[in-house]
Each structure stands twice: as C-alpha cells, then as structure tokens.
Protein backbone atom coordinates (compact mmCIF):
# COMPACT_ATOMS: atom_id res chain seq x y z
CA MET A 1 -5.07 17.56 63.06
CA TYR A 2 -7.39 16.70 60.18
CA SER A 3 -6.03 19.12 57.58
CA ARG A 4 -4.56 16.37 55.44
CA SER A 5 -7.58 14.13 55.73
CA LYS A 6 -9.88 16.96 54.71
CA HIS A 7 -7.96 17.14 51.47
CA VAL A 8 -8.24 13.38 51.13
CA SER A 9 -11.96 13.56 51.91
CA GLN A 10 -12.49 16.10 49.12
CA LYS A 11 -10.61 13.86 46.69
CA LYS A 12 -12.71 10.89 47.71
CA LYS A 13 -15.93 12.92 47.36
CA GLU A 14 -14.92 13.85 43.81
CA HIS A 15 -14.32 10.20 42.98
CA LEU A 16 -17.43 8.78 44.72
CA ASP A 17 -19.63 8.66 41.63
CA PHE A 18 -16.75 7.21 39.62
CA ASP A 19 -16.07 4.24 41.85
CA PRO A 20 -15.41 1.40 39.35
CA GLU A 21 -18.19 -0.84 40.66
CA ARG A 22 -20.58 2.04 40.16
CA TRP A 23 -19.60 3.28 36.70
CA TYR A 24 -19.39 -0.24 35.28
CA HIS A 25 -23.13 -0.42 35.92
CA PHE A 26 -23.56 2.62 33.71
CA LEU A 27 -22.06 0.62 30.85
CA ALA A 28 -24.06 -2.50 31.64
CA ALA A 29 -27.63 -1.28 31.06
CA PRO A 30 -29.10 -3.52 28.33
CA ASP A 31 -31.30 -0.76 26.90
CA GLY A 32 -28.53 1.82 26.90
CA SER A 33 -30.10 3.96 29.61
CA PRO A 34 -28.49 4.73 32.98
CA PRO A 35 -29.71 1.91 35.25
CA GLN A 36 -31.09 2.11 38.76
CA LEU A 37 -28.11 0.97 40.79
CA PRO A 38 -28.42 -1.59 43.57
CA SER A 39 -27.58 -0.13 46.98
CA SER A 40 -24.42 -2.25 47.23
CA THR A 41 -22.87 -0.26 44.39
CA LEU A 42 -23.57 3.17 45.84
CA GLY A 43 -20.95 3.05 48.58
CA THR A 44 -23.46 3.78 51.34
CA THR A 45 -22.74 0.89 53.69
CA ASP A 46 -21.80 1.79 57.25
CA ASP A 47 -19.62 -1.33 57.53
CA LYS A 48 -15.97 -0.36 57.08
CA THR A 49 -14.96 -3.93 56.47
CA GLY A 50 -16.26 -3.72 52.91
CA ALA A 51 -18.48 -6.75 53.46
CA ASP A 52 -21.15 -5.43 51.10
CA LYS A 53 -18.94 -5.82 48.02
CA THR A 54 -19.36 -9.57 47.78
CA HIS A 55 -21.23 -10.01 44.52
CA PRO A 56 -19.15 -10.25 41.35
CA VAL A 57 -20.40 -8.04 38.56
CA GLU A 58 -20.37 -8.97 34.90
CA ILE A 59 -19.87 -5.92 32.75
CA MET A 60 -21.36 -6.06 29.32
CA GLY A 61 -23.60 -4.21 26.95
CA PRO A 62 -24.28 -3.88 23.25
CA GLY A 63 -20.97 -2.88 21.71
CA PRO A 64 -20.26 -1.07 18.45
CA GLU A 65 -19.21 -2.65 15.24
CA SER A 66 -15.45 -2.61 14.72
CA LEU A 67 -14.17 0.58 13.11
CA SER A 68 -11.86 0.37 10.16
CA LYS A 69 -8.48 2.01 10.69
CA THR A 70 -8.98 3.99 7.49
CA GLU A 71 -12.56 5.08 8.22
CA THR A 72 -13.12 8.68 9.25
CA VAL A 73 -16.32 10.12 10.65
CA ALA A 74 -16.89 13.83 10.83
CA PRO A 75 -17.75 14.91 14.38
CA THR A 76 -21.02 16.72 14.93
CA ASN A 77 -21.29 20.09 16.63
CA THR A 78 -23.36 18.51 19.41
CA ASP A 79 -20.49 16.24 20.40
CA VAL A 80 -17.47 18.56 20.30
CA ALA A 81 -16.86 22.20 20.92
CA SER A 82 -15.02 22.69 17.61
CA VAL A 83 -12.51 20.74 15.58
CA ASN A 84 -8.86 21.68 15.51
CA THR A 85 -6.27 18.95 15.08
CA THR A 86 -3.27 21.27 15.35
CA ASN A 87 -0.53 19.90 17.60
CA THR A 88 -0.21 22.31 19.77
CA SER A 89 7.46 10.20 49.55
CA THR A 90 7.94 9.34 52.19
CA SER A 91 5.05 7.64 54.06
CA THR A 92 4.57 5.54 57.16
CA THR A 93 1.59 3.80 58.73
CA THR A 94 1.48 1.97 62.03
CA VAL A 95 -1.11 -0.68 62.81
CA ASN A 96 -0.54 -2.18 66.23
CA THR A 97 -2.67 -5.09 67.33
CA THR A 98 -3.92 -4.34 70.83
CA SER A 99 -6.40 -7.17 71.26
CA PRO A 100 -7.85 -10.07 69.26
CA SER A 101 -10.73 -7.89 68.12
CA THR A 102 -9.20 -4.46 67.57
CA SER A 103 -6.12 -2.82 66.15
CA THR A 104 -4.77 0.71 66.35
CA CYS A 105 -3.84 2.45 63.13
CA THR A 106 -1.57 5.51 63.16
CA THR A 107 -0.65 7.18 59.91
CA THR A 108 2.07 9.68 59.07
CA SER A 109 2.67 10.63 55.48
CA THR A 110 4.53 13.17 53.38
CA THR A 111 3.88 13.24 49.65
CA THR A 112 6.10 15.08 47.21
CA SER A 113 4.37 16.84 44.37
CA GLY A 114 4.59 15.35 40.91
CA SER A 115 2.27 14.23 38.16
CA GLY A 116 -0.10 12.67 40.71
CA SER A 117 -1.39 13.98 44.05
CA ALA A 118 -0.86 17.60 45.05
CA ASP A 119 -1.10 16.72 48.73
CA ASP A 120 2.02 17.82 50.56
CA GLN A 121 0.68 18.14 54.07
CA VAL A 122 1.32 15.88 57.02
CA GLY A 123 -1.39 14.33 59.16
CA GLU A 124 -1.24 12.12 62.19
CA MET A 125 -4.23 10.29 63.65
CA SER A 126 -5.10 7.16 65.51
CA GLU A 127 -8.34 5.27 65.87
CA THR A 128 -9.54 1.88 66.99
CA ILE A 129 -10.84 -0.03 63.99
CA PRO A 130 -12.40 -3.48 63.55
CA ASN A 131 -9.94 -6.29 63.06
CA GLU A 132 -12.46 -8.74 61.65
CA ILE A 133 -12.30 -9.98 58.07
CA PRO A 134 -15.73 -10.84 56.64
CA ALA A 135 -16.36 -14.16 54.96
CA VAL A 136 -16.02 -13.86 51.20
CA PRO A 137 -18.36 -15.90 48.99
CA VAL A 138 -16.67 -17.67 46.11
CA PRO A 139 -17.65 -15.97 42.82
CA VAL A 140 -19.52 -18.27 40.46
CA ASP A 141 -19.17 -17.74 36.73
CA ASP A 142 -22.57 -18.10 35.11
CA THR A 143 -21.68 -16.31 31.89
CA PRO A 144 -22.33 -18.33 28.73
CA ALA A 145 -19.16 -17.29 26.94
CA ALA A 146 -16.39 -16.71 29.44
CA ASN A 147 -13.68 -16.45 26.79
CA ASP A 148 -15.75 -14.71 24.16
CA LEU A 149 -14.15 -11.34 23.42
CA ASP A 150 -17.05 -10.15 21.28
CA ASP A 151 -18.53 -6.74 20.67
CA ARG A 152 -21.05 -7.02 23.49
CA TYR A 153 -18.47 -5.59 25.85
CA LEU A 154 -17.96 -1.84 26.09
CA THR A 155 -15.12 -2.31 28.57
CA PHE A 156 -13.02 -5.18 29.86
CA PHE A 157 -14.88 -8.09 31.44
CA THR A 158 -14.53 -7.41 35.17
CA ARG A 159 -15.07 -9.12 38.52
CA PHE A 160 -15.04 -7.22 41.82
CA LEU A 161 -13.79 -8.65 45.09
CA PRO A 162 -14.06 -7.20 48.60
CA PHE A 163 -11.00 -5.62 50.16
CA SER A 164 -11.48 -4.75 53.81
CA LEU A 165 -9.86 -1.99 55.81
CA ARG A 166 -8.02 -4.62 57.85
CA GLU A 167 -6.65 -6.19 54.68
CA ALA A 168 -5.44 -2.75 53.60
CA CYS A 169 -3.57 -2.39 56.92
CA ALA A 170 -1.84 -5.74 56.36
CA CYS A 171 -0.69 -4.68 52.89
CA VAL A 172 0.63 -1.36 54.21
CA ASN A 173 2.46 -3.05 57.07
CA PHE A 174 4.16 -5.50 54.71
CA TYR A 175 5.33 -2.65 52.47
CA GLN A 176 6.57 -0.71 55.49
CA ARG A 177 8.58 -3.67 56.75
CA ARG A 178 10.02 -4.39 53.32
CA TYR A 179 11.00 -0.92 52.17
CA ASN A 180 10.90 1.40 55.20
CA ARG A 181 12.19 -0.95 57.95
CA LYS A 182 9.13 -0.39 60.10
CA GLN A 183 8.36 -3.13 62.61
CA ASP A 184 4.55 -3.08 62.62
CA LEU A 185 4.01 -6.30 60.65
CA THR A 186 2.37 -9.08 62.67
CA LEU A 187 1.77 -12.79 62.23
CA GLU A 188 -1.89 -11.92 61.82
CA ASP A 189 -0.96 -9.63 58.92
CA LEU A 190 0.86 -12.49 57.23
CA ASP A 191 -2.17 -14.76 57.66
CA ILE A 192 -4.36 -12.07 56.13
CA LEU A 193 -2.05 -11.68 53.13
CA ALA A 194 -2.09 -15.43 52.58
CA ALA A 195 -5.89 -15.35 52.65
CA ILE A 196 -5.96 -12.52 50.11
CA GLU A 197 -3.77 -14.57 47.77
CA LYS A 198 -6.19 -17.49 48.03
CA LYS A 199 -9.10 -15.17 47.33
CA LEU A 200 -7.38 -13.88 44.21
CA ASP A 201 -6.51 -17.44 43.17
CA THR A 202 -10.19 -18.28 43.28
CA ALA A 203 -11.12 -15.24 41.22
CA LEU A 204 -8.41 -15.85 38.62
CA SER A 205 -9.54 -19.47 38.19
CA ASP A 206 -12.73 -18.09 36.63
CA PRO A 207 -12.97 -19.35 33.01
CA ALA A 208 -13.35 -15.73 31.93
CA PHE A 209 -9.64 -15.23 32.63
CA ALA A 210 -8.37 -18.62 31.50
CA ARG A 211 -7.11 -17.63 28.08
CA ASP A 212 -5.49 -14.23 28.49
CA GLY A 213 -5.23 -13.76 32.26
CA ALA A 214 -6.27 -10.61 34.10
CA PHE A 215 -5.07 -7.22 35.23
CA VAL A 216 -5.63 -7.02 39.00
CA ARG A 217 -5.83 -3.61 40.57
CA LEU A 218 -7.41 -1.78 43.46
CA SER A 219 -10.39 0.39 42.69
CA SER A 220 -8.37 3.51 43.47
CA ARG A 221 -5.04 2.72 41.79
CA SER A 222 -3.29 0.15 39.65
CA PRO A 223 0.03 -1.49 40.66
CA LYS A 224 1.71 -0.84 37.31
CA ASP A 225 4.91 0.17 39.13
CA GLY A 226 5.02 -3.10 41.08
CA ASP A 227 7.54 -5.93 40.78
CA PRO A 228 6.36 -9.14 39.06
CA PHE A 229 6.59 -12.44 40.92
CA GLU A 230 8.90 -13.85 38.24
CA ASP A 231 10.83 -10.81 37.11
CA THR A 232 12.05 -11.19 33.54
CA ARG A 233 11.41 -7.59 32.50
CA SER A 234 14.97 -6.86 31.45
CA GLN A 235 15.05 -9.94 29.19
CA GLU A 236 11.75 -8.91 27.63
CA TYR A 237 13.08 -5.39 27.16
CA SER A 238 16.37 -6.55 25.63
CA ALA A 239 14.60 -8.78 23.13
CA ALA A 240 12.11 -6.08 22.12
CA VAL A 241 14.51 -3.16 21.86
CA LYS A 242 16.97 -4.65 19.34
CA PRO A 243 14.72 -4.42 16.26
CA GLU A 244 13.61 -0.92 17.27
CA LEU A 245 17.18 0.37 17.45
CA ALA A 246 18.00 -0.97 13.99
CA SER A 247 16.10 1.87 12.31
CA CYS A 248 17.47 4.67 14.52
CA THR A 249 20.04 7.04 13.06
CA THR A 250 20.79 9.35 16.01
CA PRO A 251 21.37 8.94 19.77
CA GLU A 252 18.19 10.93 20.41
CA GLU A 253 16.13 8.53 18.29
CA GLU A 254 17.66 5.60 20.15
CA LEU A 255 16.68 7.07 23.50
CA GLN A 256 13.08 7.58 22.37
CA ALA A 257 12.92 4.06 20.93
CA LYS A 258 14.17 2.63 24.23
CA LEU A 259 11.57 4.63 26.17
CA ARG A 260 8.75 3.40 23.93
CA VAL A 261 9.88 -0.20 24.33
CA LEU A 262 10.15 0.28 28.10
CA PHE A 263 6.49 1.28 28.32
CA SER A 264 5.42 -1.47 25.93
CA CYS A 265 6.84 -4.21 28.20
CA ARG A 266 3.60 -4.76 30.07
CA SER A 267 3.12 -8.52 29.82
CA GLN A 268 4.20 -9.10 33.40
CA LEU A 269 1.29 -7.02 34.62
CA CYS A 270 -0.88 -9.89 33.39
CA CYS A 271 -1.84 -12.17 36.27
CA LYS A 272 -2.69 -15.85 36.07
CA ARG A 273 -2.41 -16.67 39.78
CA GLY A 274 -2.94 -14.89 43.07
CA ARG A 275 0.80 -14.71 43.71
CA ASP A 276 1.26 -12.70 40.50
CA ALA A 277 -1.23 -10.09 41.68
CA MET A 278 0.05 -9.98 45.26
CA SER A 279 3.64 -9.49 44.12
CA LEU A 280 2.62 -6.40 42.13
CA ILE A 281 0.33 -4.97 44.81
CA LEU A 282 2.73 -5.44 47.73
CA SER A 283 5.63 -3.78 45.90
CA SER A 284 3.71 -0.90 44.31
CA GLU A 285 4.41 2.54 45.71
CA ARG A 286 1.33 3.83 43.88
CA VAL A 287 -0.89 1.38 45.75
CA PHE A 288 0.93 2.00 49.04
CA VAL A 289 0.43 5.77 48.89
CA ASP A 290 -3.25 5.42 47.97
CA LEU A 291 -3.85 2.98 50.81
CA LEU A 292 -2.27 5.47 53.21
CA LEU A 293 -4.76 8.07 52.00
CA ASP A 294 -7.63 5.60 52.34
CA LEU A 295 -6.59 4.72 55.88
CA ASP A 296 -6.34 8.41 56.75
CA ASN A 297 -9.79 8.96 55.36
CA ALA A 298 -11.23 6.00 57.27
CA LYS A 299 -10.63 7.89 60.51
CA ILE A 300 -13.03 10.67 59.57
CA PRO A 301 -16.46 10.10 61.15
CA GLY A 302 -19.02 9.01 58.57
CA ASP A 303 -16.45 7.83 56.06
CA VAL A 304 -17.46 4.97 53.78
CA TRP A 305 -14.85 2.33 52.95
CA MET A 306 -15.07 1.91 49.17
CA THR A 307 -11.81 0.25 48.18
CA CYS A 308 -12.12 -3.14 46.48
CA PHE A 309 -10.24 -5.40 44.09
CA SER A 310 -10.99 -5.08 40.40
CA VAL A 311 -10.04 -8.14 38.34
CA ARG A 312 -10.17 -7.21 34.66
CA ARG A 313 -9.68 -9.48 31.70
CA TRP A 314 -6.33 -8.86 30.03
CA GLU A 315 -6.66 -7.42 26.55
CA PRO A 316 -3.58 -8.29 24.45
CA ARG A 317 -4.86 -6.24 21.52
CA LEU A 318 -4.45 -2.94 23.37
CA THR A 319 -1.02 -1.34 23.18
CA GLU A 320 0.40 1.56 25.19
CA ASP A 321 0.39 3.99 22.27
CA MET A 322 -3.32 3.53 21.51
CA GLU A 323 -4.81 4.65 24.81
CA PHE A 324 -6.28 8.14 24.97
CA ARG A 325 -7.53 10.37 27.80
CA THR A 326 -10.72 12.16 26.80
CA PHE A 327 -12.25 15.20 28.52
CA VAL A 328 -16.03 15.67 28.54
CA CYS A 329 -17.56 18.90 29.82
CA GLY A 330 -21.02 20.33 29.25
CA GLY A 331 -22.05 17.11 27.56
CA LYS A 332 -19.40 17.52 24.85
CA ILE A 333 -15.94 16.14 24.19
CA THR A 334 -13.63 19.13 24.54
CA ALA A 335 -10.18 17.53 24.31
CA ILE A 336 -8.31 14.27 23.79
CA SER A 337 -4.69 13.50 24.70
CA GLN A 338 -2.51 10.46 24.27
CA TYR A 339 -2.60 8.75 27.67
CA ASN A 340 1.14 8.10 27.88
CA GLN A 341 2.37 11.65 28.13
CA TYR A 342 6.04 10.70 28.13
CA CYS A 343 6.59 8.90 24.85
CA LEU A 344 6.90 10.36 21.38
CA TYR A 345 4.92 8.21 18.93
CA PRO A 346 5.70 9.54 15.42
CA HIS A 347 3.33 7.08 13.73
CA LEU A 348 0.32 8.63 15.48
CA GLN A 349 0.68 11.97 13.68
CA SER A 350 -0.72 10.64 10.42
CA LYS A 351 -3.63 8.95 12.25
CA LYS A 352 -4.99 11.95 14.12
CA GLU A 353 -8.16 12.27 12.05
CA VAL A 354 -8.92 8.56 12.30
CA ILE A 355 -8.27 8.51 16.06
CA SER A 356 -10.51 11.55 16.65
CA ALA A 357 -13.31 10.20 14.46
CA SER A 358 -13.22 6.72 16.03
CA ILE A 359 -13.39 8.02 19.61
CA LEU A 360 -16.02 10.66 18.85
CA GLU A 361 -18.30 8.19 17.08
CA PHE A 362 -17.97 5.53 19.78
CA TRP A 363 -18.63 8.04 22.56
CA SER A 364 -21.59 9.59 20.75
CA LYS A 365 -23.26 6.29 19.88
CA GLU A 366 -22.43 4.08 22.85
CA ILE A 367 -21.30 6.07 25.88
CA LYS A 368 -22.79 9.56 26.00
CA HIS A 369 -26.33 8.46 26.91
CA ARG A 370 -25.14 5.89 29.45
CA ILE A 371 -23.27 8.15 31.86
CA PRO A 372 -25.50 10.48 33.91
CA HIS A 373 -22.86 13.18 34.29
CA SER A 374 -22.25 16.26 32.16
CA GLN A 375 -18.51 16.31 32.86
CA TYR A 376 -15.95 13.58 33.40
CA VAL A 377 -12.64 12.25 32.10
CA ILE A 378 -12.82 8.94 30.27
CA ASP A 379 -9.99 6.81 28.90
CA PHE A 380 -10.48 4.97 25.61
CA GLY A 381 -8.34 2.31 24.01
CA ILE A 382 -8.26 1.52 20.29
CA LEU A 383 -7.55 -2.16 19.77
CA SER A 384 -5.44 -3.57 16.95
CA THR A 385 -8.73 -4.44 15.21
CA GLY A 386 -9.74 -0.77 15.18
CA ARG A 387 -12.45 -1.28 17.79
CA VAL A 388 -12.76 1.30 20.59
CA ILE A 389 -13.18 0.21 24.21
CA VAL A 390 -13.59 2.04 27.55
CA VAL A 391 -10.60 1.70 29.87
CA GLU A 392 -11.80 3.72 32.87
CA LEU A 393 -13.83 6.70 34.03
CA ASN A 394 -12.60 9.52 36.29
CA PRO A 395 -14.01 12.78 37.67
CA PHE A 396 -13.46 16.04 35.83
CA ALA A 397 -11.19 17.37 38.57
CA THR A 398 -7.58 18.24 39.26
CA THR A 399 -7.23 14.93 41.13
CA THR A 400 -7.36 13.30 37.69
CA GLY A 401 -4.19 13.63 35.63
CA ALA A 402 -4.52 15.88 32.59
CA ALA A 403 -2.00 13.94 30.42
CA LEU A 404 -0.53 16.42 27.88
CA PHE A 405 -2.84 19.20 29.06
CA THR A 406 -2.58 21.09 32.36
CA TRP A 407 -5.42 21.96 34.70
CA GLU A 408 -3.70 25.12 35.91
CA ARG A 409 -3.13 26.80 32.54
CA GLU A 410 -5.70 25.14 30.29
CA ARG A 411 -8.82 24.61 32.35
CA THR A 412 -10.80 26.96 30.10
CA LEU A 413 -9.88 24.88 27.07
CA LEU A 414 -10.77 21.63 28.87
CA GLU A 415 -14.13 23.08 29.88
CA ASN A 416 -15.11 24.87 26.68
CA GLY A 417 -12.81 23.85 23.82
CA PRO A 418 -12.09 24.41 20.99
CA PHE A 419 -11.66 20.67 20.56
CA GLU A 420 -8.10 19.41 20.22
CA LEU A 421 -6.45 16.02 19.96
CA ARG A 422 -3.02 16.51 21.46
CA LEU A 423 -0.08 14.23 20.75
CA ARG A 424 3.50 14.63 21.93
CA THR A 425 5.60 16.24 19.20
CA THR A 426 8.88 16.76 21.08
CA PRO A 427 10.80 14.22 23.18
CA LEU A 428 11.42 14.39 26.91
CA ALA A 429 14.72 15.75 28.16
CA PRO A 430 17.47 13.15 27.52
CA GLU A 431 18.50 12.99 31.19
CA THR A 432 14.92 12.20 32.30
CA THR A 433 14.58 9.52 29.65
CA GLN A 434 17.92 7.97 30.54
CA GLN A 435 17.00 7.84 34.22
CA ALA A 436 13.83 5.87 33.50
CA ILE A 437 15.62 3.45 31.17
CA GLN A 438 18.43 2.76 33.62
CA MET A 439 16.04 2.14 36.50
CA PHE A 440 14.01 -0.29 34.41
CA THR A 441 16.91 -2.25 32.97
CA GLN A 442 18.60 -2.54 36.37
CA ALA A 443 15.59 -4.22 38.00
CA ALA A 444 16.65 -6.58 40.78
CA GLU A 445 15.75 -9.87 39.12
CA HIS A 446 17.35 -11.95 41.85
CA ALA A 447 15.70 -10.18 44.78
CA PRO A 448 13.60 -12.43 47.04
CA THR A 449 9.96 -12.80 46.08
CA TYR A 450 7.26 -11.56 48.39
CA LYS A 451 6.55 -15.18 49.38
CA ASP A 452 10.19 -15.65 50.36
CA LEU A 453 9.95 -12.49 52.44
CA MET A 454 6.71 -13.67 54.07
CA GLU A 455 8.43 -16.86 55.16
CA THR A 456 11.40 -14.90 56.53
CA TYR A 457 9.14 -12.49 58.40
CA ARG A 458 7.06 -15.35 59.78
CA LYS A 459 10.17 -16.94 61.27
CA GLN A 460 11.28 -13.61 62.72
CA LEU A 461 7.87 -12.98 64.30
CA ASN A 462 7.28 -16.49 65.64
CA PRO A 463 8.76 -16.62 69.17
CA THR A 464 9.01 -20.44 69.06
CA THR A 465 11.28 -20.40 66.02
CA PRO A 466 14.87 -19.11 66.12
CA ALA A 467 14.85 -15.87 64.17
CA PRO A 468 17.17 -15.60 61.17
CA PRO A 469 19.37 -12.53 60.93
CA PRO A 470 17.43 -9.39 59.94
CA GLN A 471 17.25 -8.77 56.20
CA PRO A 472 18.24 -5.35 54.86
CA ALA A 473 15.32 -3.33 53.55
CA ASP A 474 14.70 -3.39 49.82
CA THR A 475 15.20 -0.11 48.02
CA LYS A 476 12.46 1.44 45.97
CA PRO A 477 14.18 3.87 43.56
CA PHE A 478 12.35 7.03 42.62
CA CYS A 479 11.71 7.84 38.99
CA SER A 480 10.08 11.09 37.94
CA ILE A 481 8.35 9.25 35.09
CA CYS A 482 7.10 6.17 36.96
C-alpha cells in the first residue's frame, strides 16, 4: 500500500537539507560561516499546516566583485578533480470535505518516466487531515535598499510564504477539475484559492519586487510550464525569432534558432500580481505532480510538511544560455553542464575557459565554506555583467537532474572527475524540436483565465445559482522537452 510513498519519502529525505528556506540561510551568514539555523527553518514542526513558516527571510551576504567576461582564473587542485574542457502522467487526487473541520484526501497517481522522476508505481491511500488554514502575518519589508541589486546578494532576494497542506489540496482539486474532469473541487477550495491570491498580492507589493517583479514558485518545483494570466507568448516568440532566422542558412539551423528563442521567451514567468503567480501555478503540470507526491507523503506517520512559496526577485540580466548545473562531490567541483540540456548554443564554445574560471572562483571564494555538505548539485547563473550568482541548491542524488550528464552511466565521473565543463555540441532530433516549437506557438491565447474558470465553477457549485452548462476540460499537451 505504501510502496509509492516510500519512494517519495526517500526523495524527500534526500532533499530535506536542501529545502530552500534552509539553504538560503547558508548563504546569509554575515561572517561567511555556516550559521546556526533557527528551528523554524529545520522542517521539524509537527504541524502539517505549515504554520511555522510565517517569517519572511531576507537573503543576503557579502558578494564577489563582478568578473570580467574576458578574465580567466586557473582553477586550483583543491577545488576541482582535474581540468579537461573537451566536449565530450496521469495523476488524480481526491479531497472530499466530510465536515467543517476535516477533509479526506485520496491520491492515485501514475508517472511516466522521463527527464524528471523515475517513479512509475501506483499508490492509493486515504487519511483524515486538518482543514484549517493558519493566519498568515503580513510580511514587512525592513530592508534599507529594496531595489538595490548590488553585490551583497549571493542569490536572488527572496521572501518565503507559508503554503499549507489544505491549500495544496485546493490547488490539486482545481487542476483536476480543469484538466482531468474530476469533480472534487468545492466552494471552500475556491475560497482558499482566492485567499492564496491575496496573500501573494501582499508579498508582491513588497518594494523589493517593485521594479523587476518576481518569480513565484513552490519550494519543491517551479511552474515554468504554466500558462500566464495574459498569454502573449506567441507574439513575443514571433517578434524575437525573426532576427534570429535572418542569419540561418539551413533548415536545421532555423530549427535550432527557433528552439533557442522558445526557451528565451521567459518574461511571462515574471509576476507583478498574485493573479500572475496563481495562473502559472494552477496550470503547471510540474507543480501538480509534485503536489501529488507531497500529499502522498503527508499520509506517512511522522511526515513533516515542508512545502512553501518562494517569491524571488526577477533578474532580467540572467538569460537561459548562461545558467549552469554544477556537481560538487568530496568538497570539489567535479563537473559543470549547461543547465538547458536541449539547446545548442554555438557562442558558448569559445567561452568555456571563462565560464569554468568564473564559476570555480566564485564557488571557491564565496560558496564552498558556507555550505556544510561535501556533496551537492548547485546551479549558477552568469549575469550579463559577468557576475556569478547562485540559482538553487539540490542534493547530489538521482532525484536531481544531471543535465547533459547521466547518473546511470557517469556517476563515477560526477563523484571523482576528471573535471569537465560539458556543452551541447549536436542538436536534438528535428522531430523532437519541431514538436516543442509547434506546441509553444499554438498556445491557446483565447482560453479562459483561471479567474474566469473560478467564477464558472463557483456558479456550478453554488446550489442557489442556476448552473451554466458544463465546460469541456482544457487539454494539457505533452511535450518530451517541457
């Protein structure tokens, strides 16, 4: 009965020390040493509502001086193994309200293998869980320079917000109603979703996010596959792709240019209001699948509910091609890969030495002594100014994607080296690339927004209001890339 949840439990155990609210504290120690963490960041509360995650956290620390794009720094033997720059679902969850104080949650899920989870088992459980949503204090910004993107910050300025188990159930039920035609959504769920939007509105009104907006995600997964509230992605894509195609001489080059532009169209992931974030979260299959796993896990005795919102200042100077997944094992950097494993970026080939040197120096000077783990996977971004910044931290485990490496065939290399910076040198198969491009450019721009759907569902669920005719379920196309 618990076979699937045992797998989930192991995954959660691997990620426990890398919970965002925890590792941000590693980067926030003013003296550069790993700090003593407050108990609220350790994930040890026995309250599954997540009520302990109520204090916003400012993430800062002494940052490095900006690195010149032409500067190279030779790595030391203590930081890398050796230097070699050769290129070498279907899911358902049921949450039935049985009384004003409790709800029953039943989960059934089947996950197909791909670049993410390897879980392909099916589990089915039910448990009575609290239906209460804790009061959420309004975060107060007491930072002196809310819009100051200076070198004090080692990662993006971040605020954390609580996200209770009951709120997770409401999000799952909305997704199920919208895409899977399940009938578990309740009026209470809709009220909860409206309250979440207000909570996010309050967070996004923080002066820290006034200029550039924020990227809103859950601690476990980002909604980068979600649908924006005002969907103008195809217009953005069409405008950006024209100049890129002008320099292409073959159909293959055109396909790769289109794919690069597709991944570069990220502006609609930037949120200025709560509705922007909710639209992405409630339409994201990535978030939906992770919440199913979290809800499965919550049924295991002794489980700690860790999921929260992470509101991170949007960084317009970071582009898709300049993010890199870095593997640390035995206290050394053993490998680096471009984070986007699908795109071919020819311009990166001539910058390999600079990229390696910049990341190695930043990690050695600013990060290595702050993280009390000998092995982990850390993502770095190199801004347009040449400065390096931490994107996120993950466990050194197969539950973390290996980018252009593979855990199955190259674990020895990832553990011991020799060091390699790996960039894609050959394009994806044309049919795979074409599939992703077609799905992106055919986005349903005139589909109802999630707020329109909430109003429709509210009328259908309210017995005092004549119900409109049932709406057909939206379709969520599958893409092997996305």
